[in-house]
Amino acid sequence: MEHRRLRQLQSRQQIPRRVWVVLVVGGLLTLANSSAARIPTFRHHAGHTVLLAAMICLVLLAIADVNNPFRGANRVPPDGFRLALETLDRLRSAK
């Protein structure tokens, strides 16, 4: 029973706000560094910065999605948990 409570608490935990601040500030600093790079043409410079910004956004979205595994469009379905409960119930009743 103790392990169940621990899993329930862990499923409700989220990434601390400090970590989010570090991730976002790190992304902004990376973009600022990219803006300071000396690339010969503005077109290449803009393309490089846009691609880098898109990559940073995708990484932050992936982290946010993993942060809430039981909610959202890509949530973990309860099927595995139900199967485990059914198996445990069968094992208990077989004894």
C-alpha atoms as a PDB file:
ATOM      1  CA  MET A   1       0.000   0.000   0.000  1.00  0.00           C
ATOM      2  CA  GLU A   2       2.927   2.291   0.767  1.00  0.00           C
ATOM      3  CA  HIS A   3       4.299   1.935  -2.780  1.00  0.00           C
ATOM      4  CA  ARG A   4       0.910   2.791  -4.265  1.00  0.00           C
ATOM      5  CA  ARG A   5       0.751   6.066  -2.337  1.00  0.00           C
ATOM      6  CA  LEU A   6       4.284   6.893  -3.400  1.00  0.00           C
ATOM      7  CA  ARG A   7       3.401   6.302  -7.088  1.00  0.00           C
ATOM      8  CA  GLN A   8       0.299   8.467  -6.727  1.00  0.00           C
ATOM      9  CA  LEU A   9       2.360  11.293  -5.255  1.00  0.00           C
ATOM     10  CA  GLN A  10       4.990  10.958  -7.976  1.00  0.00           C
ATOM     11  CA  SER A  11       2.330  11.040 -10.706  1.00  0.00           C
ATOM     12  CA  ARG A  12       1.158  14.417  -9.403  1.00  0.00           C
ATOM     13  CA  GLN A  13       4.624  15.946  -9.186  1.00  0.00           C
ATOM     14  CA  GLN A  14       5.656  18.332 -11.899  1.00  0.00           C
ATOM     15  CA  ILE A  15       8.877  19.847 -13.066  1.00  0.00           C
ATOM     16  CA  PRO A  16       9.734  22.672 -10.638  1.00  0.00           C
ATOM     17  CA  ARG A  17       9.262  26.249 -11.763  1.00  0.00           C
ATOM     18  CA  ARG A  18      13.012  26.887 -11.375  1.00  0.00           C
ATOM     19  CA  VAL A  19      13.785  24.247 -13.981  1.00  0.00           C
ATOM     20  CA  TRP A  20      11.311  25.849 -16.397  1.00  0.00           C
ATOM     21  CA  VAL A  21      12.929  29.239 -15.825  1.00  0.00           C
ATOM     22  CA  VAL A  22      16.369  27.767 -16.531  1.00  0.00           C
ATOM     23  CA  LEU A  23      15.088  26.068 -19.704  1.00  0.00           C
ATOM     24  CA  VAL A  24      13.365  29.175 -21.064  1.00  0.00           C
ATOM     25  CA  VAL A  25      16.221  31.541 -20.164  1.00  0.00           C
ATOM     26  CA  GLY A  26      18.693  29.058 -21.666  1.00  0.00           C
ATOM     27  CA  GLY A  27      16.672  28.995 -24.864  1.00  0.00           C
ATOM     28  CA  LEU A  28      16.568  32.785 -25.021  1.00  0.00           C
ATOM     29  CA  LEU A  29      20.314  33.032 -24.401  1.00  0.00           C
ATOM     30  CA  THR A  30      20.923  30.475 -27.136  1.00  0.00           C
ATOM     31  CA  LEU A  31      18.843  32.547 -29.546  1.00  0.00           C
ATOM     32  CA  ALA A  32      20.665  35.709 -28.486  1.00  0.00           C
ATOM     33  CA  ASN A  33      23.966  33.966 -29.133  1.00  0.00           C
ATOM     34  CA  SER A  34      22.708  32.900 -32.543  1.00  0.00           C
ATOM     35  CA  SER A  35      21.745  36.486 -33.328  1.00  0.00           C
ATOM     36  CA  ALA A  36      25.270  37.629 -32.526  1.00  0.00           C
ATOM     37  CA  ALA A  37      26.835  35.164 -34.993  1.00  0.00           C
ATOM     38  CA  ARG A  38      28.414  36.664 -38.077  1.00  0.00           C
ATOM     39  CA  ILE A  39      26.678  35.045 -41.009  1.00  0.00           C
ATOM     40  CA  PRO A  40      27.386  36.696 -44.379  1.00  0.00           C
ATOM     41  CA  THR A  41      23.809  37.044 -45.655  1.00  0.00           C
ATOM     42  CA  PHE A  42      20.753  38.131 -43.737  1.00  0.00           C
ATOM     43  CA  ARG A  43      18.692  35.377 -45.356  1.00  0.00           C
ATOM     44  CA  HIS A  44      20.938  32.626 -44.002  1.00  0.00           C
ATOM     45  CA  HIS A  45      21.136  34.365 -40.633  1.00  0.00           C
ATOM     46  CA  ALA A  46      17.323  34.624 -40.365  1.00  0.00           C
ATOM     47  CA  GLY A  47      16.885  31.013 -41.472  1.00  0.00           C
ATOM     48  CA  HIS A  48      19.403  29.808 -38.912  1.00  0.00           C
ATOM     49  CA  THR A  49      17.724  31.759 -36.106  1.00  0.00           C
ATOM     50  CA  VAL A  50      14.220  30.613 -37.069  1.00  0.00           C
ATOM     51  CA  LEU A  51      15.266  26.952 -37.223  1.00  0.00           C
ATOM     52  CA  LEU A  52      17.018  27.216 -33.874  1.00  0.00           C
ATOM     53  CA  ALA A  53      13.976  28.899 -32.294  1.00  0.00           C
ATOM     54  CA  ALA A  54      11.699  26.189 -33.694  1.00  0.00           C
ATOM     55  CA  MET A  55      13.936  23.473 -32.279  1.00  0.00           C
ATOM     56  CA  ILE A  56      13.982  25.102 -28.840  1.00  0.00           C
ATOM     57  CA  CYS A  57      10.166  25.425 -28.916  1.00  0.00           C
ATOM     58  CA  LEU A  58       9.779  21.769 -29.877  1.00  0.00           C
ATOM     59  CA  VAL A  59      12.070  20.664 -27.048  1.00  0.00           C
ATOM     60  CA  LEU A  60      10.146  22.777 -24.509  1.00  0.00           C
ATOM     61  CA  LEU A  61       6.838  21.387 -25.796  1.00  0.00           C
ATOM     62  CA  ALA A  62       8.172  17.832 -25.509  1.00  0.00           C
ATOM     63  CA  ILE A  63       9.292  18.497 -21.935  1.00  0.00           C
ATOM     64  CA  ALA A  64       5.877  19.968 -21.090  1.00  0.00           C
ATOM     65  CA  ASP A  65       4.183  16.930 -22.625  1.00  0.00           C
ATOM     66  CA  VAL A  66       6.349  14.492 -20.666  1.00  0.00           C
ATOM     67  CA  ASN A  67       5.733  16.554 -17.538  1.00  0.00           C
ATOM     68  CA  ASN A  68       2.026  15.587 -17.661  1.00  0.00           C
ATOM     69  CA  PRO A  69       1.974  11.946 -18.805  1.00  0.00           C
ATOM     70  CA  PHE A  70      -1.608  11.257 -17.722  1.00  0.00           C
ATOM     71  CA  ARG A  71      -3.187  14.344 -19.339  1.00  0.00           C
ATOM     72  CA  GLY A  72      -3.335  15.879 -22.781  1.00  0.00           C
ATOM     73  CA  ALA A  73      -3.383  14.495 -26.306  1.00  0.00           C
ATOM     74  CA  ASN A  74      -0.412  12.166 -25.777  1.00  0.00           C
ATOM     75  CA  ARG A  75      -1.403  10.797 -22.398  1.00  0.00           C
ATOM     76  CA  VAL A  76      -0.567   7.337 -21.143  1.00  0.00           C
ATOM     77  CA  PRO A  77      -3.762   5.280 -21.432  1.00  0.00           C
ATOM     78  CA  PRO A  78      -4.977   3.337 -18.394  1.00  0.00           C
ATOM     79  CA  ASP A  79      -5.115   0.037 -20.358  1.00  0.00           C
ATOM     80  CA  GLY A  80      -1.839  -1.280 -18.935  1.00  0.00           C
ATOM     81  CA  PHE A  81      -2.905  -0.447 -15.395  1.00  0.00           C
ATOM     82  CA  ARG A  82      -6.257  -2.163 -15.900  1.00  0.00           C
ATOM     83  CA  LEU A  83      -4.561  -5.266 -17.274  1.00  0.00           C
ATOM     84  CA  ALA A  84      -2.189  -5.328 -14.293  1.00  0.00           C
ATOM     85  CA  LEU A  85      -5.113  -5.031 -11.859  1.00  0.00           C
ATOM     86  CA  GLU A  86      -7.015  -7.828 -13.606  1.00  0.00           C
ATOM     87  CA  THR A  87      -3.933 -10.058 -13.525  1.00  0.00           C
ATOM     88  CA  LEU A  88      -3.366  -9.388  -9.833  1.00  0.00           C
ATOM     89  CA  ASP A  89      -7.022 -10.098  -9.072  1.00  0.00           C
ATOM     90  CA  ARG A  90      -6.808 -13.407 -10.948  1.00  0.00           C
ATOM     91  CA  LEU A  91      -3.628 -14.348  -9.107  1.00  0.00           C
ATOM     92  CA  ARG A  92      -5.206 -13.533  -5.742  1.00  0.00           C
ATOM     93  CA  SER A  93      -8.361 -15.523  -6.477  1.00  0.00           C
ATOM     94  CA  ALA A  94      -6.308 -18.520  -7.676  1.00  0.00           C
ATOM     95  CA  LYS A  95      -4.624 -18.891  -4.271  1.00  0.00           C
END
